[in-house]
N, C-alpha and C. Protein backbone atom coordinates (compact mmCIF):
# COMPACT_ATOMS: atom_id res chain seq x y z
N MET A 1 58.10 54.19 105.22
CA MET A 1 58.55 55.30 104.41
C MET A 1 59.96 55.71 104.85
N PRO A 2 60.88 56.05 103.89
CA PRO A 2 62.24 56.43 104.29
C PRO A 2 62.24 57.73 105.08
N GLU A 3 63.37 58.00 105.68
CA GLU A 3 63.49 59.19 106.51
C GLU A 3 63.27 60.45 105.69
N GLN A 4 62.75 61.45 106.37
CA GLN A 4 62.56 62.73 105.71
C GLN A 4 63.93 63.38 105.46
N LEU A 5 64.14 63.86 104.27
CA LEU A 5 65.44 64.43 103.93
C LEU A 5 65.64 65.81 104.54
N ASP A 6 64.55 66.49 104.91
CA ASP A 6 64.70 67.83 105.47
C ASP A 6 64.87 67.83 106.98
N GLN A 7 64.95 66.64 107.59
CA GLN A 7 65.13 66.53 109.03
C GLN A 7 66.59 66.22 109.34
N PRO A 8 67.16 66.80 110.40
CA PRO A 8 68.55 66.50 110.75
C PRO A 8 68.69 65.06 111.24
N LEU A 9 69.88 64.49 111.03
CA LEU A 9 70.15 63.12 111.47
C LEU A 9 70.36 63.10 112.98
N GLU A 10 70.20 61.92 113.55
CA GLU A 10 70.49 61.77 114.97
C GLU A 10 71.98 61.99 115.20
N GLU A 11 72.35 62.41 116.43
CA GLU A 11 73.73 62.81 116.72
C GLU A 11 74.71 61.66 116.48
N GLY A 12 74.39 60.47 116.97
CA GLY A 12 75.31 59.33 116.82
C GLY A 12 75.46 58.92 115.36
N ARG A 13 74.35 58.91 114.65
CA ARG A 13 74.40 58.50 113.25
C ARG A 13 75.11 59.53 112.39
N ALA A 14 74.92 60.81 112.69
CA ALA A 14 75.59 61.86 111.94
C ALA A 14 77.10 61.77 112.11
N ARG A 15 77.54 61.51 113.37
CA ARG A 15 78.97 61.38 113.61
C ARG A 15 79.53 60.16 112.87
N TRP A 16 78.78 59.06 112.89
CA TRP A 16 79.23 57.84 112.21
C TRP A 16 79.33 58.06 110.69
N LEU A 17 78.35 58.78 110.11
CA LEU A 17 78.39 59.04 108.67
C LEU A 17 79.54 59.99 108.31
N ARG A 18 79.81 60.96 109.18
CA ARG A 18 80.94 61.85 108.90
C ARG A 18 82.25 61.09 108.93
N TRP A 19 82.35 60.12 109.83
CA TRP A 19 83.59 59.34 109.94
C TRP A 19 83.74 58.37 108.77
N MET A 20 82.64 57.74 108.39
CA MET A 20 82.70 56.73 107.32
C MET A 20 82.76 57.36 105.92
N ARG A 21 82.05 58.46 105.76
CA ARG A 21 82.01 59.10 104.45
C ARG A 21 82.39 60.57 104.58
N PRO A 22 83.68 60.87 104.60
CA PRO A 22 84.06 62.29 104.67
C PRO A 22 83.69 63.01 103.38
N ARG A 23 83.65 64.31 103.50
CA ARG A 23 83.28 65.09 102.32
C ARG A 23 84.31 64.88 101.22
N ARG A 24 83.80 64.52 100.05
CA ARG A 24 84.72 64.22 98.96
C ARG A 24 85.45 65.46 98.47
N HIS A 25 84.72 66.54 98.41
CA HIS A 25 85.31 67.74 97.83
C HIS A 25 86.52 68.20 98.65
N ALA A 26 86.34 68.26 99.97
CA ALA A 26 87.42 68.74 100.82
C ALA A 26 88.61 67.78 100.78
N SER A 27 88.33 66.48 100.90
CA SER A 27 89.42 65.51 100.94
C SER A 27 90.14 65.43 99.61
N SER A 28 89.39 65.43 98.49
CA SER A 28 90.04 65.34 97.19
C SER A 28 90.84 66.60 96.89
N ASP A 29 90.31 67.74 97.32
CA ASP A 29 91.03 68.99 97.08
C ASP A 29 92.32 69.02 97.88
N THR A 30 92.25 68.59 99.14
CA THR A 30 93.45 68.59 99.98
C THR A 30 94.48 67.61 99.44
N SER A 31 94.04 66.39 99.13
CA SER A 31 94.99 65.41 98.60
C SER A 31 95.55 65.85 97.26
N GLY A 32 94.72 66.51 96.46
CA GLY A 32 95.22 67.01 95.17
C GLY A 32 96.27 68.07 95.35
N ARG A 33 96.03 68.99 96.31
CA ARG A 33 97.03 70.03 96.54
C ARG A 33 98.34 69.44 97.09
N VAL A 34 98.21 68.47 98.00
CA VAL A 34 99.41 67.83 98.55
C VAL A 34 100.16 67.09 97.46
N SER A 35 99.43 66.34 96.64
CA SER A 35 100.09 65.59 95.57
C SER A 35 100.76 66.53 94.57
N GLU A 36 100.11 67.66 94.27
CA GLU A 36 100.75 68.62 93.37
C GLU A 36 102.02 69.20 93.98
N ALA A 37 101.96 69.51 95.27
CA ALA A 37 103.15 70.06 95.93
C ALA A 37 104.30 69.05 95.90
N ILE A 38 104.00 67.78 96.20
CA ILE A 38 105.06 66.76 96.19
C ILE A 38 105.58 66.54 94.79
N ALA A 39 104.67 66.45 93.82
CA ALA A 39 105.11 66.24 92.43
C ALA A 39 105.94 67.42 91.94
N ARG A 40 105.54 68.64 92.33
CA ARG A 40 106.29 69.81 91.91
C ARG A 40 107.69 69.81 92.54
N PHE A 41 107.76 69.42 93.84
CA PHE A 41 109.05 69.37 94.51
C PHE A 41 109.91 68.23 93.97
N SER A 42 109.29 67.12 93.58
CA SER A 42 110.06 65.97 93.06
C SER A 42 110.73 66.27 91.73
N GLY A 43 110.23 67.23 91.02
CA GLY A 43 110.82 67.57 89.72
C GLY A 43 111.80 68.71 89.77
N THR A 44 112.26 69.08 90.96
CA THR A 44 113.20 70.20 91.09
C THR A 44 114.62 69.70 91.30
N PRO A 45 115.62 70.49 90.94
CA PRO A 45 117.01 70.10 91.22
C PRO A 45 117.29 69.97 92.72
N THR A 46 116.59 70.72 93.55
CA THR A 46 116.79 70.63 95.00
C THR A 46 116.50 69.22 95.50
N PHE A 47 115.40 68.62 95.01
CA PHE A 47 115.06 67.26 95.42
C PHE A 47 116.14 66.27 94.98
N LEU A 48 116.63 66.41 93.77
CA LEU A 48 117.67 65.51 93.28
C LEU A 48 118.96 65.64 94.09
N ILE A 49 119.30 66.88 94.46
CA ILE A 49 120.53 67.08 95.26
C ILE A 49 120.38 66.44 96.63
N TRP A 50 119.21 66.68 97.29
CA TRP A 50 119.00 66.10 98.61
C TRP A 50 118.95 64.58 98.55
N LEU A 51 118.31 64.04 97.54
CA LEU A 51 118.24 62.58 97.40
C LEU A 51 119.63 61.99 97.16
N THR A 52 120.42 62.66 96.34
CA THR A 52 121.78 62.19 96.08
C THR A 52 122.62 62.24 97.36
N LEU A 53 122.51 63.34 98.12
CA LEU A 53 123.25 63.42 99.39
C LEU A 53 122.81 62.34 100.36
N PHE A 54 121.50 62.10 100.42
CA PHE A 54 120.99 61.06 101.30
C PHE A 54 121.57 59.69 100.93
N VAL A 55 121.56 59.35 99.66
CA VAL A 55 122.06 58.05 99.21
C VAL A 55 123.56 57.93 99.47
N VAL A 56 124.32 59.00 99.19
CA VAL A 56 125.78 58.96 99.41
C VAL A 56 126.09 58.79 100.89
N LEU A 57 125.39 59.55 101.76
CA LEU A 57 125.62 59.42 103.20
C LEU A 57 125.25 58.02 103.69
N TRP A 58 124.13 57.51 103.20
CA TRP A 58 123.69 56.16 103.58
C TRP A 58 124.76 55.14 103.22
N MET A 59 125.22 55.19 101.99
CA MET A 59 126.21 54.20 101.53
C MET A 59 127.55 54.40 102.24
N ALA A 60 127.95 55.66 102.48
CA ALA A 60 129.23 55.90 103.16
C ALA A 60 129.16 55.42 104.61
N TRP A 61 128.04 55.70 105.28
CA TRP A 61 127.92 55.26 106.68
C TRP A 61 127.96 53.74 106.78
N ASN A 62 127.20 53.08 105.91
CA ASN A 62 127.13 51.61 106.01
C ASN A 62 128.34 50.93 105.39
N THR A 63 129.27 51.71 104.81
CA THR A 63 130.50 51.12 104.28
C THR A 63 131.67 51.39 105.21
N PHE A 64 131.82 52.61 105.74
CA PHE A 64 133.02 52.99 106.50
C PHE A 64 132.77 53.09 108.01
N ALA A 65 131.56 53.02 108.47
CA ALA A 65 131.30 53.11 109.91
C ALA A 65 131.72 51.80 110.59
N PRO A 66 131.90 51.86 111.91
CA PRO A 66 132.21 50.61 112.62
C PRO A 66 131.11 49.56 112.40
N THR A 67 131.50 48.30 112.46
CA THR A 67 130.58 47.21 112.12
C THR A 67 129.35 47.21 113.02
N GLY A 68 129.48 47.55 114.26
CA GLY A 68 128.34 47.54 115.16
C GLY A 68 127.36 48.66 114.89
N MET A 69 127.79 49.72 114.24
CA MET A 69 126.92 50.87 113.99
C MET A 69 126.26 50.82 112.60
N ARG A 70 126.66 49.86 111.79
CA ARG A 70 126.04 49.75 110.46
C ARG A 70 124.66 49.13 110.58
N PHE A 71 123.70 49.65 109.79
CA PHE A 71 122.34 49.11 109.81
C PHE A 71 121.92 48.56 108.44
N ASP A 72 122.79 48.67 107.44
CA ASP A 72 122.51 48.09 106.12
C ASP A 72 123.82 47.54 105.59
N LYS A 73 123.81 46.32 105.12
CA LYS A 73 125.05 45.66 104.73
C LYS A 73 125.35 45.91 103.26
N ALA A 74 126.61 46.31 103.01
CA ALA A 74 127.04 46.54 101.64
C ALA A 74 127.17 45.22 100.89
N GLU A 75 127.47 44.13 101.63
CA GLU A 75 127.61 42.83 100.97
C GLU A 75 126.31 42.36 100.35
N LEU A 76 125.19 42.77 100.92
CA LEU A 76 123.87 42.38 100.40
C LEU A 76 123.33 43.41 99.39
N GLY A 77 124.13 44.41 99.04
CA GLY A 77 123.69 45.39 98.06
C GLY A 77 122.80 46.48 98.62
N PHE A 78 123.02 46.80 99.90
CA PHE A 78 122.22 47.86 100.55
C PHE A 78 120.72 47.59 100.37
N THR A 79 120.29 46.50 100.96
CA THR A 79 118.90 46.07 100.80
C THR A 79 117.91 47.09 101.35
N ALA A 80 118.21 47.64 102.51
CA ALA A 80 117.29 48.62 103.12
C ALA A 80 117.19 49.87 102.26
N LEU A 81 118.33 50.33 101.71
CA LEU A 81 118.31 51.51 100.85
C LEU A 81 117.49 51.25 99.59
N THR A 82 117.68 50.05 99.03
CA THR A 82 116.92 49.70 97.83
C THR A 82 115.42 49.68 98.13
N LEU A 83 115.04 49.12 99.30
CA LEU A 83 113.63 49.11 99.68
C LEU A 83 113.08 50.52 99.89
N MET A 84 113.88 51.38 100.51
CA MET A 84 113.41 52.75 100.74
C MET A 84 113.24 53.51 99.43
N LEU A 85 114.20 53.34 98.52
CA LEU A 85 114.07 54.03 97.23
C LEU A 85 112.91 53.46 96.42
N SER A 86 112.67 52.16 96.52
CA SER A 86 111.51 51.57 95.83
C SER A 86 110.21 52.09 96.42
N LEU A 87 110.18 52.20 97.76
CA LEU A 87 108.98 52.73 98.41
C LEU A 87 108.74 54.18 97.99
N GLN A 88 109.82 54.97 97.95
CA GLN A 88 109.69 56.37 97.52
C GLN A 88 109.20 56.46 96.08
N ALA A 89 109.72 55.61 95.21
CA ALA A 89 109.29 55.62 93.80
C ALA A 89 107.84 55.15 93.67
N SER A 90 107.46 54.14 94.48
CA SER A 90 106.08 53.63 94.38
C SER A 90 105.07 54.66 94.87
N TYR A 91 105.45 55.55 95.79
CA TYR A 91 104.55 56.61 96.21
C TYR A 91 104.61 57.81 95.27
N SER A 92 105.77 58.06 94.70
CA SER A 92 105.91 59.23 93.83
C SER A 92 105.07 59.09 92.56
N ALA A 93 105.04 57.89 92.00
CA ALA A 93 104.31 57.70 90.74
C ALA A 93 102.82 58.02 90.87
N PRO A 94 102.11 57.46 91.88
CA PRO A 94 100.68 57.83 91.99
C PRO A 94 100.46 59.31 92.32
N LEU A 95 101.37 59.90 93.12
CA LEU A 95 101.21 61.32 93.44
C LEU A 95 101.40 62.17 92.18
N ILE A 96 102.35 61.78 91.34
CA ILE A 96 102.55 62.51 90.09
C ILE A 96 101.33 62.34 89.19
N LEU A 97 100.76 61.12 89.17
CA LEU A 97 99.54 60.91 88.37
C LEU A 97 98.38 61.73 88.89
N LEU A 98 98.24 61.81 90.23
CA LEU A 98 97.18 62.66 90.80
C LEU A 98 97.37 64.11 90.39
N ALA A 99 98.61 64.59 90.47
CA ALA A 99 98.88 65.97 90.07
C ALA A 99 98.57 66.18 88.59
N GLN A 100 98.92 65.20 87.76
CA GLN A 100 98.62 65.31 86.34
C GLN A 100 97.13 65.31 86.07
N ASN A 101 96.39 64.48 86.83
CA ASN A 101 94.93 64.46 86.67
C ASN A 101 94.32 65.81 87.04
N ARG A 102 94.82 66.40 88.13
CA ARG A 102 94.32 67.74 88.50
C ARG A 102 94.65 68.76 87.44
N GLN A 103 95.88 68.67 86.90
CA GLN A 103 96.26 69.60 85.85
C GLN A 103 95.41 69.39 84.60
N ASP A 104 95.10 68.12 84.29
CA ASP A 104 94.22 67.84 83.15
C ASP A 104 92.83 68.42 83.36
N ASP A 105 92.33 68.30 84.60
CA ASP A 105 91.01 68.88 84.90
C ASP A 105 91.04 70.40 84.73
N ARG A 106 92.11 71.03 85.23
CA ARG A 106 92.23 72.47 85.08
C ARG A 106 92.33 72.86 83.61
N ASP A 107 93.12 72.08 82.85
CA ASP A 107 93.25 72.37 81.42
C ASP A 107 91.91 72.20 80.71
N ARG A 108 91.15 71.20 81.13
CA ARG A 108 89.84 70.98 80.51
C ARG A 108 88.91 72.15 80.80
N VAL A 109 88.91 72.62 82.05
CA VAL A 109 88.07 73.76 82.40
C VAL A 109 88.52 75.02 81.64
N THR A 110 89.84 75.22 81.56
CA THR A 110 90.36 76.37 80.82
C THR A 110 90.01 76.30 79.34
N ALA A 111 90.12 75.08 78.78
CA ALA A 111 89.77 74.92 77.36
C ALA A 111 88.29 75.18 77.13
N GLU A 112 87.44 74.74 78.08
CA GLU A 112 86.00 74.99 77.95
C GLU A 112 85.71 76.49 78.04
N GLN A 113 86.39 77.16 78.97
CA GLN A 113 86.19 78.61 79.08
C GLN A 113 86.68 79.32 77.83
N ASP A 114 87.82 78.87 77.29
CA ASP A 114 88.32 79.47 76.05
C ASP A 114 87.35 79.23 74.90
N ARG A 115 86.76 78.02 74.86
CA ARG A 115 85.80 77.71 73.80
C ARG A 115 84.57 78.60 73.92
N GLN A 116 84.07 78.77 75.16
CA GLN A 116 82.91 79.64 75.36
C GLN A 116 83.24 81.08 75.00
N ARG A 117 84.46 81.53 75.37
CA ARG A 117 84.86 82.89 75.03
C ARG A 117 84.97 83.07 73.52
N ALA A 118 85.55 82.05 72.86
CA ALA A 118 85.67 82.13 71.39
C ALA A 118 84.29 82.12 70.74
N GLN A 119 83.37 81.31 71.30
CA GLN A 119 82.01 81.28 70.76
C GLN A 119 81.33 82.64 70.93
N ALA A 120 81.52 83.24 72.11
CA ALA A 120 80.93 84.56 72.34
C ALA A 120 81.54 85.61 71.40
N ASN A 121 82.86 85.53 71.19
CA ASN A 121 83.50 86.47 70.26
C ASN A 121 83.00 86.27 68.84
N LEU A 122 82.80 85.00 68.46
CA LEU A 122 82.28 84.71 67.12
C LEU A 122 80.87 85.27 66.95
N GLU A 123 80.03 85.08 67.98
CA GLU A 123 78.67 85.62 67.91
C GLU A 123 78.69 87.14 67.83
N ASP A 124 79.58 87.78 68.63
CA ASP A 124 79.68 89.24 68.57
C ASP A 124 80.14 89.70 67.19
N THR A 125 81.11 88.97 66.62
CA THR A 125 81.61 89.34 65.29
C THR A 125 80.52 89.19 64.24
N GLU A 126 79.75 88.10 64.32
CA GLU A 126 78.66 87.92 63.37
C GLU A 126 77.61 89.01 63.52
N TYR A 127 77.31 89.38 64.76
CA TYR A 127 76.33 90.45 64.99
C TYR A 127 76.83 91.76 64.40
N LEU A 128 78.11 92.09 64.66
CA LEU A 128 78.65 93.33 64.12
C LEU A 128 78.69 93.30 62.59
N THR A 129 78.97 92.13 62.02
CA THR A 129 78.98 92.01 60.56
C THR A 129 77.59 92.27 59.99
N ARG A 130 76.58 91.69 60.64
CA ARG A 130 75.20 91.93 60.19
C ARG A 130 74.83 93.41 60.33
N GLU A 131 75.26 94.03 61.42
CA GLU A 131 74.95 95.45 61.61
C GLU A 131 75.62 96.31 60.55
N ILE A 132 76.88 95.99 60.23
CA ILE A 132 77.59 96.76 59.20
C ILE A 132 76.92 96.58 57.85
N ALA A 133 76.49 95.34 57.56
CA ALA A 133 75.81 95.10 56.28
C ALA A 133 74.50 95.88 56.21
N SER A 134 73.76 95.90 57.32
CA SER A 134 72.50 96.65 57.30
C SER A 134 72.76 98.15 57.18
N LEU A 135 73.84 98.63 57.80
CA LEU A 135 74.18 100.05 57.66
C LEU A 135 74.57 100.38 56.22
N ARG A 136 75.29 99.47 55.58
CA ARG A 136 75.65 99.71 54.18
C ARG A 136 74.41 99.76 53.29
N LEU A 137 73.47 98.85 53.56
CA LEU A 137 72.23 98.88 52.78
C LEU A 137 71.46 100.18 53.04
N ALA A 138 71.45 100.62 54.28
CA ALA A 138 70.75 101.86 54.60
C ALA A 138 71.46 103.07 54.01
N MET A 139 72.79 102.99 53.90
CA MET A 139 73.54 104.12 53.35
C MET A 139 73.28 104.32 51.87
N ASN A 140 72.85 103.26 51.17
CA ASN A 140 72.51 103.43 49.76
C ASN A 140 71.33 104.37 49.58
N GLU A 141 70.45 104.42 50.57
CA GLU A 141 69.28 105.29 50.49
C GLU A 141 69.54 106.66 51.10
N VAL A 142 70.64 106.82 51.78
CA VAL A 142 70.97 108.09 52.44
C VAL A 142 71.96 108.85 51.56
N ALA A 143 71.86 110.18 51.59
CA ALA A 143 72.77 111.01 50.81
C ALA A 143 74.18 110.88 51.37
N THR A 144 75.10 110.60 50.47
CA THR A 144 76.49 110.48 50.90
C THR A 144 77.13 111.86 50.95
N ARG A 145 78.33 111.93 51.46
CA ARG A 145 79.03 113.19 51.60
C ARG A 145 79.33 113.80 50.23
N ASP A 146 79.76 112.96 49.28
CA ASP A 146 80.07 113.48 47.94
C ASP A 146 78.81 114.02 47.25
N PHE A 147 77.70 113.30 47.45
CA PHE A 147 76.44 113.78 46.85
C PHE A 147 76.04 115.13 47.42
N VAL A 148 76.15 115.26 48.74
CA VAL A 148 75.78 116.53 49.39
C VAL A 148 76.71 117.64 48.93
N ARG A 149 78.02 117.34 48.81
CA ARG A 149 78.95 118.36 48.33
C ARG A 149 78.62 118.80 46.91
N GLY A 150 78.30 117.82 46.05
CA GLY A 150 77.92 118.17 44.68
C GLY A 150 76.68 119.04 44.63
N GLU A 151 75.67 118.71 45.44
CA GLU A 151 74.46 119.53 45.49
C GLU A 151 74.76 120.94 45.99
N LEU A 152 75.62 121.03 47.01
CA LEU A 152 75.97 122.36 47.53
C LEU A 152 76.74 123.17 46.50
N ARG A 153 77.64 122.49 45.75
CA ARG A 153 78.36 123.21 44.69
C ARG A 153 77.38 123.74 43.64
N ASP A 154 76.43 122.90 43.24
CA ASP A 154 75.44 123.34 42.24
C ASP A 154 74.63 124.52 42.76
N MET A 155 74.18 124.42 44.02
CA MET A 155 73.41 125.52 44.60
C MET A 155 74.24 126.79 44.69
N LEU A 156 75.53 126.66 45.06
CA LEU A 156 76.40 127.83 45.14
C LEU A 156 76.59 128.45 43.76
N ALA A 157 76.76 127.59 42.74
CA ALA A 157 76.89 128.13 41.38
C ALA A 157 75.63 128.87 40.97
N GLU A 158 74.47 128.31 41.28
CA GLU A 158 73.21 128.99 40.95
C GLU A 158 73.10 130.32 41.68
N LEU A 159 73.45 130.34 42.96
CA LEU A 159 73.38 131.58 43.73
C LEU A 159 74.33 132.64 43.17
N LEU A 160 75.55 132.21 42.80
CA LEU A 160 76.49 133.16 42.23
C LEU A 160 76.00 133.70 40.89
N GLU A 161 75.40 132.82 40.10
CA GLU A 161 74.86 133.27 38.81
C GLU A 161 73.73 134.26 39.01
N GLU A 162 72.84 133.96 39.96
CA GLU A 162 71.74 134.90 40.24
C GLU A 162 72.27 136.22 40.77
N GLU A 163 73.31 136.14 41.62
CA GLU A 163 73.89 137.37 42.15
C GLU A 163 74.53 138.19 41.03
N ARG A 164 75.23 137.49 40.11
CA ARG A 164 75.84 138.20 38.98
C ARG A 164 74.78 138.87 38.11
N ARG A 165 73.68 138.12 37.87
CA ARG A 165 72.60 138.70 37.06
C ARG A 165 71.97 139.89 37.77
N SER A 166 71.74 139.75 39.05
CA SER A 166 71.12 140.86 39.77
C SER A 166 72.06 142.07 39.80
N ARG A 167 73.36 141.85 39.90
CA ARG A 167 74.30 142.96 39.87
C ARG A 167 74.27 143.64 38.50
N GLU A 168 74.25 142.78 37.45
CA GLU A 168 74.20 143.36 36.11
C GLU A 168 72.92 144.16 35.91
N GLU A 169 71.81 143.62 36.44
CA GLU A 169 70.55 144.36 36.32
C GLU A 169 70.60 145.67 37.08
N ILE A 170 71.17 145.63 38.30
CA ILE A 170 71.27 146.85 39.10
C ILE A 170 72.16 147.87 38.41
N VAL A 171 73.30 147.36 37.89
CA VAL A 171 74.21 148.27 37.18
C VAL A 171 73.51 148.84 35.95
N GLY A 172 72.76 147.99 35.22
CA GLY A 172 72.02 148.48 34.05
C GLY A 172 71.00 149.52 34.43
N GLU A 173 70.29 149.27 35.55
CA GLU A 173 69.30 150.25 35.99
C GLU A 173 69.99 151.56 36.38
N ILE A 174 71.12 151.46 37.06
CA ILE A 174 71.84 152.67 37.46
C ILE A 174 72.31 153.45 36.23
N VAL A 175 72.84 152.69 35.26
CA VAL A 175 73.30 153.35 34.03
C VAL A 175 72.14 154.03 33.33
N GLU A 176 71.01 153.38 33.26
CA GLU A 176 69.82 153.99 32.62
C GLU A 176 69.38 155.23 33.37
N GLU A 177 69.38 155.13 34.71
CA GLU A 177 68.98 156.30 35.50
C GLU A 177 69.94 157.47 35.27
N LEU A 178 71.23 157.16 35.21
CA LEU A 178 72.22 158.22 34.98
C LEU A 178 72.05 158.82 33.58
N ALA A 179 71.78 157.93 32.65
CA ALA A 179 71.56 158.43 31.28
C ALA A 179 70.32 159.31 31.23
N ASP A 180 69.27 158.91 31.92
CA ASP A 180 68.04 159.72 31.95
C ASP A 180 68.31 161.06 32.61
N GLU A 181 69.07 161.01 33.71
CA GLU A 181 69.37 162.27 34.40
C GLU A 181 70.18 163.19 33.51
N ARG A 182 71.15 162.66 32.78
CA ARG A 182 71.95 163.48 31.86
C ARG A 182 71.06 164.05 30.77
N ALA A 183 70.21 163.18 30.29
CA ALA A 183 69.31 163.66 29.21
C ALA A 183 68.42 164.78 29.73
N GLU A 184 67.96 164.67 30.96
CA GLU A 184 67.10 165.71 31.53
C GLU A 184 67.88 167.00 31.73
N HIS A 185 69.13 166.88 32.14
CA HIS A 185 69.93 168.08 32.37
C HIS A 185 70.32 168.75 31.06
N GLU A 186 70.53 167.98 30.05
CA GLU A 186 70.99 168.54 28.78
C GLU A 186 69.83 169.16 27.98
N GLU A 187 68.63 168.66 28.08
CA GLU A 187 67.48 169.19 27.28
C GLU A 187 67.15 170.62 27.64
N PRO A 188 67.07 171.08 28.86
CA PRO A 188 66.73 172.48 29.11
C PRO A 188 67.83 173.43 28.69
N GLU A 189 69.09 173.03 28.67
CA GLU A 189 70.17 173.94 28.33
C GLU A 189 70.18 174.27 26.84
N GLU A 190 69.82 173.34 25.99
CA GLU A 190 69.89 173.55 24.54
C GLU A 190 68.99 174.71 24.08
N PRO A 191 67.73 174.86 24.54
CA PRO A 191 66.95 176.01 24.11
C PRO A 191 67.54 177.32 24.58
N ALA A 192 68.22 177.36 25.69
CA ALA A 192 68.80 178.61 26.17
C ALA A 192 69.97 179.03 25.29
N HIS A 193 70.71 178.15 24.76
CA HIS A 193 71.87 178.46 23.91
C HIS A 193 71.41 178.89 22.53
N GLN A 194 70.34 178.36 22.06
CA GLN A 194 69.90 178.66 20.69
C GLN A 194 69.55 180.16 20.51
N PRO A 195 68.77 180.79 21.43
CA PRO A 195 68.50 182.21 21.18
C PRO A 195 69.72 183.06 21.19
N ARG A 196 70.71 182.70 22.06
CA ARG A 196 71.93 183.49 22.10
C ARG A 196 72.61 183.42 20.74
N ARG A 197 72.64 182.26 20.13
CA ARG A 197 73.28 182.10 18.84
C ARG A 197 72.49 182.93 17.79
N ALA A 198 71.20 182.92 17.93
CA ALA A 198 70.41 183.68 16.97
C ALA A 198 70.66 185.18 17.11
N GLU A 199 70.82 185.59 18.38
CA GLU A 199 71.08 187.00 18.60
C GLU A 199 72.41 187.43 18.00
N GLN A 200 73.36 186.57 18.15
CA GLN A 200 74.68 186.91 17.59
C GLN A 200 74.58 186.94 16.09
């Protein structure tokens, strides 16, 4: 039966496995960061200026320095300089590709997050649209503001009409009472005046 996976490895074997198979995540992340830093620096004007100065100094030294101090011959086309620049270019290209791959991975993750965010926003919008539609359907059964205002106006008109009628009735009753009182006051006086007229 194979080894139990929940048991720790022996000390010698664990060290050998760590040496032979380093953690991919840590190593790839470190190499990716280094490659990005180099690729970012390689695309700057500072790198071009330093590289140009290096090449000019190299060519000037191997052209004008004393013959014994020269280490690259101009007659051979600066072979060592050509090899160094080729070596630099051969390393720069894979490092730039590594940086681009990391950037592509980041862009892919960002695009996936944007897609998920857009999907969530779309679902929220659809939910709110359904809620608004249901509210509109429910509002058809509920009294609207204009309807309530119209009903209140009608009720106010009815109340004012009833108040006007009641005032007219009260005024009519008061007038009748006053007329009755006048009639009562005038009836006893008339018999008193009549005998006086007869006496005269």
